[in-house]
Each structure stands twice: as C-alpha cells, then as structure tokens.
Amino acid sequence: DNGEGVREWLRIVSNGGFERRLSAAGVRLVFPDAPARPYTLIGGHPQTVWFDRVRMAYDAPEDAKGLQQSLGQIDSEIDKLVDAGIPLNRIAVAGMSMGACVALHLAYGDGAHAGKLACAASMSTFLAKDSTLDEVAKGRFQGPDAVPPPPLFMAHGLLDQMIQPRWAEDTRKRLRDAGVPAPEELELFPVGHELCEAEVDSLTKFLLGHLSGARAE
C-alpha cells in the first residue's frame, strides 16, 4: 500500500472532496507507506503489504509478527503527531483492506495508544478468526477497570469477492462482543473490493463528527 496512491485514489473517488473537507476543518492527513515484505499469496515475492497472508480466508492464521511490525511503524507516526502538539484524543486511524485491519489493532488491540484515540475507521476488511484482538479488547473495554472505547466506522462492498461481506459482518459482531462500539449494522455499498463516492462521503462525515471536538480524557 503506497500512501500517495491511497491519497490519489481518495481524491479521484471523492472528486477532491475528502481531503478538501477535512483540511477545511483543520484536520491534517498522513498517508504512510506499507513496508515491502515477502507475500505468500504471490509466491513469497516482495510486495508492499502491512502483513503476510498464507491464505485469503477467514480461518487463515493471523500474521502476528507482521502486524506487530506495522503497529510499531504507525505508532511511531502517531508519536510524531503528539510531539507536534496534537493530543491523542484528536487523532484518528483509518484504512481499507489490510490497512483497516491494522487500524483496528491500533485503536482497540495491541497498539501503543489503543483506547486513547479519537476514533477509527475500517473499510473492506476482516479480523482473522484467531486474532488476538478479541481478548485484548475485552480486557481493555469490559470489566471494572474498563476505559471508554473510541467510536468505530465500518463499511464494506456488497459485491466484494476478495474479502467476503460475511467475514466483515462476523468481525463486526466479534468487536461488539469485545466491547468495541462497532455499528449496529455494517454499512454496505454496491461495489466490489474498492471505494465509492457514497462510502467516502459517509467516512468523511464520520471523521468530521469525531475530530471537530476532542474526546473527553
């Protein structure tokens, strides 16, 4: 995932509206690059991906090592924003596909700032059936010492043949069971494994709604 490529994709899909509307509200956008790593699904050849997949399946094992490396990379980006004077409760993480999976782990799992961010957005993704996030989130967001979880936006392409909508729906249910405020219904759009203007508009409204004012400490 190339950050500038994602920026350009969003610009094209939204006719420039995504970045324009957020920038007008004083929101700074950062588009990090995924690292190049051997990717099993293309025979182990290098690919810019956030983690490895041995199979494209809900029950395929989670790449814990790759995820931890990517979490460390993005946590470092968040640290830079904090050093620049932006509080954690004014920072959001968002992504699509693999990037969305990383965003979920950052906001609710083993991210260094999990539970402290303004919000998170996840599009066209799923958590592996054996993901560690479920138990980590339960420990953080449920019980007597629970902290309030950041709001979550979720959306998916109804015609997605790469990541099946039912995997996303199962993920949504698991997140709610773990104390994460996933939406009561998964937002579905009539596209495949891609973005559309209506979806990006919904995402933009969500981000504006949660970044225009800080979450309570």
Protein backbone atom coordinates (compact mmCIF):
# COMPACT_ATOMS: atom_id res chain seq x y z
CA ASP A 1 0.00 0.00 0.00
CA ASN A 2 1.57 3.23 -1.17
CA GLY A 3 0.43 6.24 0.83
CA GLU A 4 0.40 8.65 -2.09
CA GLY A 5 -1.50 6.10 -4.15
CA VAL A 6 -4.20 5.92 -1.47
CA ARG A 7 -4.35 9.72 -1.29
CA GLU A 8 -4.82 9.92 -5.07
CA TRP A 9 -7.45 7.16 -5.02
CA LEU A 10 -9.46 9.05 -2.41
CA ARG A 11 -9.08 12.26 -4.39
CA ILE A 12 -10.44 10.63 -7.55
CA VAL A 13 -13.32 8.82 -5.85
CA SER A 14 -14.47 11.89 -3.93
CA ASN A 15 -13.69 14.46 -6.65
CA GLY A 16 -11.29 16.04 -4.20
CA GLY A 17 -13.94 16.38 -1.51
CA PHE A 18 -12.38 14.05 1.08
CA GLU A 19 -9.18 15.99 1.59
CA ARG A 20 -10.77 19.39 0.94
CA ARG A 21 -13.49 18.98 3.57
CA LEU A 22 -11.17 17.57 6.22
CA SER A 23 -8.47 20.18 5.57
CA ALA A 24 -11.08 22.94 5.81
CA ALA A 25 -11.93 21.63 9.29
CA GLY A 26 -8.26 21.77 10.31
CA VAL A 27 -7.65 18.03 10.02
CA ARG A 28 -4.14 17.06 8.95
CA LEU A 29 -3.91 13.90 6.84
CA VAL A 30 -0.99 11.45 6.93
CA PHE A 31 -0.73 8.60 4.41
CA PRO A 32 2.02 6.15 5.45
CA ASP A 33 3.56 3.58 3.13
CA ALA A 34 3.32 -0.13 3.89
CA PRO A 35 6.73 -1.85 4.03
CA ALA A 36 7.92 -4.23 1.31
CA ARG A 37 7.89 -7.79 2.63
CA PRO A 38 7.66 -11.33 1.21
CA TYR A 39 3.99 -12.01 0.49
CA THR A 40 2.93 -15.64 0.44
CA LEU A 41 -0.08 -15.09 -1.82
CA ILE A 42 2.23 -14.12 -4.70
CA GLY A 43 4.77 -16.86 -4.11
CA GLY A 44 6.82 -15.07 -1.49
CA HIS A 45 7.87 -12.24 -3.77
CA PRO A 46 8.25 -8.76 -2.21
CA GLN A 47 5.05 -6.72 -2.00
CA THR A 48 4.16 -3.52 -0.14
CA VAL A 49 1.72 -5.00 2.37
CA TRP A 50 1.08 -4.43 6.05
CA PHE A 51 1.37 -8.13 6.93
CA ASP A 52 1.52 -11.53 5.30
CA ARG A 53 -1.35 -13.84 4.41
CA VAL A 54 -0.86 -17.55 3.84
CA ARG A 55 -4.45 -17.86 2.53
CA MET A 56 -7.23 -15.40 1.77
CA ALA A 57 -9.64 -16.97 4.23
CA TYR A 58 -11.42 -16.09 7.47
CA ASP A 59 -9.84 -19.06 9.23
CA ALA A 60 -6.29 -18.40 7.95
CA PRO A 61 -3.83 -17.65 10.78
CA GLU A 62 -3.08 -14.07 11.69
CA ASP A 63 0.45 -12.86 10.94
CA ALA A 64 1.25 -11.68 14.48
CA LYS A 65 4.87 -10.76 13.68
CA GLY A 66 3.98 -8.72 10.61
CA LEU A 67 1.16 -6.95 12.43
CA GLN A 68 3.41 -6.01 15.34
CA GLN A 69 5.95 -4.53 12.94
CA SER A 70 3.26 -2.45 11.24
CA LEU A 71 1.76 -1.36 14.55
CA GLY A 72 5.20 -0.15 15.60
CA GLN A 73 5.56 1.84 12.36
CA ILE A 74 2.20 3.60 12.70
CA ASP A 75 2.57 4.13 16.45
CA SER A 76 5.78 6.00 15.61
CA GLU A 77 3.82 8.20 13.19
CA ILE A 78 1.29 8.90 15.95
CA ASP A 79 4.13 9.76 18.33
CA LYS A 80 5.36 12.36 15.82
CA LEU A 81 1.92 13.98 15.78
CA VAL A 82 1.84 14.04 19.58
CA ASP A 83 5.31 15.59 19.64
CA ALA A 84 3.97 18.25 17.27
CA GLY A 85 1.33 19.16 19.84
CA ILE A 86 -1.69 17.12 18.69
CA PRO A 87 -3.27 15.22 21.61
CA LEU A 88 -4.14 11.56 21.20
CA ASN A 89 -7.85 12.30 21.57
CA ARG A 90 -7.67 14.39 18.38
CA ILE A 91 -6.00 11.64 16.31
CA ALA A 92 -7.89 9.04 14.25
CA VAL A 93 -6.69 5.96 12.36
CA ALA A 94 -8.39 4.71 9.21
CA GLY A 95 -7.72 2.23 6.47
CA MET A 96 -9.06 -0.09 3.82
CA SER A 97 -8.41 -3.82 3.47
CA MET A 98 -5.09 -4.63 5.18
CA GLY A 99 -4.73 -1.04 6.33
CA ALA A 100 -8.13 -1.26 8.01
CA CYS A 101 -7.08 -4.38 9.87
CA VAL A 102 -4.02 -2.53 11.15
CA ALA A 103 -6.26 0.40 12.16
CA LEU A 104 -8.43 -1.93 14.25
CA HIS A 105 -5.40 -3.30 16.07
CA LEU A 106 -4.05 0.21 16.61
CA ALA A 107 -7.28 1.53 18.11
CA TYR A 108 -8.54 -1.50 20.02
CA GLY A 109 -5.80 -4.14 20.21
CA ASP A 110 -2.07 -4.03 20.88
CA GLY A 111 -1.40 -0.53 19.56
CA ALA A 112 0.61 1.58 21.99
CA HIS A 113 -2.21 4.15 22.07
CA ALA A 114 -5.17 1.75 21.92
CA GLY A 115 -8.22 3.09 23.70
CA LYS A 116 -6.91 6.68 23.66
CA LEU A 117 -7.54 7.81 20.08
CA ALA A 118 -10.44 9.95 18.84
CA CYS A 119 -11.91 7.27 16.57
CA ALA A 120 -11.12 4.61 13.98
CA ALA A 121 -12.44 3.70 10.54
CA SER A 122 -12.36 0.29 8.91
CA MET A 123 -13.36 -0.42 5.32
CA SER A 124 -13.40 -3.70 3.39
CA THR A 125 -11.56 -5.79 5.96
CA PHE A 126 -11.88 -8.58 8.50
CA LEU A 127 -10.11 -9.89 11.56
CA ALA A 128 -8.70 -13.40 11.29
CA LYS A 129 -10.71 -15.94 13.24
CA ASP A 130 -7.75 -16.49 15.59
CA SER A 131 -6.96 -12.79 16.02
CA THR A 132 -5.55 -11.70 19.36
CA LEU A 133 -7.59 -8.50 19.22
CA ASP A 134 -10.76 -10.03 20.70
CA GLU A 135 -9.27 -10.91 24.07
CA VAL A 136 -7.12 -7.78 24.27
CA ALA A 137 -10.15 -5.57 23.61
CA LYS A 138 -12.28 -7.42 26.17
CA GLY A 139 -9.61 -6.83 28.79
CA ARG A 140 -9.44 -3.12 27.98
CA PHE A 141 -13.08 -2.21 27.36
CA GLN A 142 -15.00 -4.56 29.67
CA GLY A 143 -14.96 -5.10 33.43
CA PRO A 144 -14.49 -2.80 36.43
CA ASP A 145 -11.35 -1.10 35.06
CA ALA A 146 -12.72 -0.60 31.54
CA VAL A 147 -11.86 2.52 29.57
CA PRO A 148 -14.26 4.08 27.04
CA PRO A 149 -13.52 2.77 23.54
CA PRO A 150 -13.11 5.12 20.57
CA PRO A 151 -16.04 5.23 18.09
CA LEU A 152 -15.72 2.99 15.02
CA PHE A 153 -16.82 3.41 11.41
CA MET A 154 -17.21 0.22 9.37
CA ALA A 155 -18.18 -0.23 5.72
CA HIS A 156 -17.85 -2.91 3.04
CA GLY A 157 -18.55 -3.57 -0.60
CA LEU A 158 -21.61 -5.75 -1.05
CA LEU A 159 -20.06 -7.28 -4.18
CA ASP A 160 -16.59 -7.83 -2.68
CA GLN A 161 -15.28 -11.20 -3.89
CA MET A 162 -11.86 -10.85 -2.24
CA ILE A 163 -13.00 -10.23 1.34
CA GLN A 164 -16.47 -11.64 1.73
CA PRO A 165 -19.03 -9.35 3.37
CA ARG A 166 -19.92 -12.11 5.85
CA TRP A 167 -16.32 -12.05 7.14
CA ALA A 168 -16.75 -8.34 7.83
CA GLU A 169 -20.12 -8.97 9.46
CA ASP A 170 -18.64 -11.68 11.71
CA THR A 171 -15.85 -9.25 12.60
CA ARG A 172 -18.40 -6.55 13.45
CA LYS A 173 -20.22 -8.92 15.81
CA ARG A 174 -16.99 -10.02 17.47
CA LEU A 175 -15.92 -6.44 18.02
CA ARG A 176 -19.23 -5.60 19.68
CA ASP A 177 -18.88 -8.68 21.88
CA ALA A 178 -15.43 -7.42 22.90
CA GLY A 179 -16.77 -4.01 23.96
CA VAL A 180 -15.83 -2.12 20.81
CA PRO A 181 -18.61 0.24 19.61
CA ALA A 182 -18.90 -1.20 16.13
CA PRO A 183 -22.06 -0.02 14.35
CA GLU A 184 -25.27 -1.95 14.86
CA GLU A 185 -25.32 -2.65 11.13
CA LEU A 186 -22.46 -2.91 8.66
CA GLU A 187 -22.70 -0.16 6.02
CA LEU A 188 -22.81 -1.89 2.64
CA PHE A 189 -22.21 -0.26 -0.73
CA PRO A 190 -22.86 -1.71 -4.23
CA VAL A 191 -19.19 -2.16 -5.15
CA GLY A 192 -16.53 -4.86 -5.02
CA HIS A 193 -13.20 -4.57 -3.20
CA GLU A 194 -12.97 -0.85 -3.79
CA LEU A 195 -14.20 2.52 -2.62
CA CYS A 196 -17.13 4.55 -3.96
CA GLU A 197 -18.15 8.18 -3.60
CA ALA A 198 -21.04 7.46 -1.21
CA GLU A 199 -18.80 5.41 1.07
CA VAL A 200 -16.09 8.08 1.19
CA ASP A 201 -18.75 10.71 1.89
CA SER A 202 -20.02 8.63 4.83
CA LEU A 203 -16.45 8.21 6.08
CA THR A 204 -15.79 11.95 5.77
CA LYS A 205 -18.88 12.82 7.80
CA PHE A 206 -17.86 10.33 10.49
CA LEU A 207 -14.34 11.76 10.76
CA LEU A 208 -15.59 15.35 10.82
CA GLY A 209 -18.07 14.44 13.52
CA HIS A 210 -15.42 12.95 15.80
CA LEU A 211 -12.43 15.15 15.05
CA SER A 212 -14.17 18.52 15.28
CA GLY A 213 -14.09 18.20 19.08
CA ALA A 214 -11.80 16.22 21.36
CA ARG A 215 -12.92 13.11 23.19
CA ALA A 216 -13.07 13.53 26.92
CA GLU A 217 -9.95 12.40 28.76
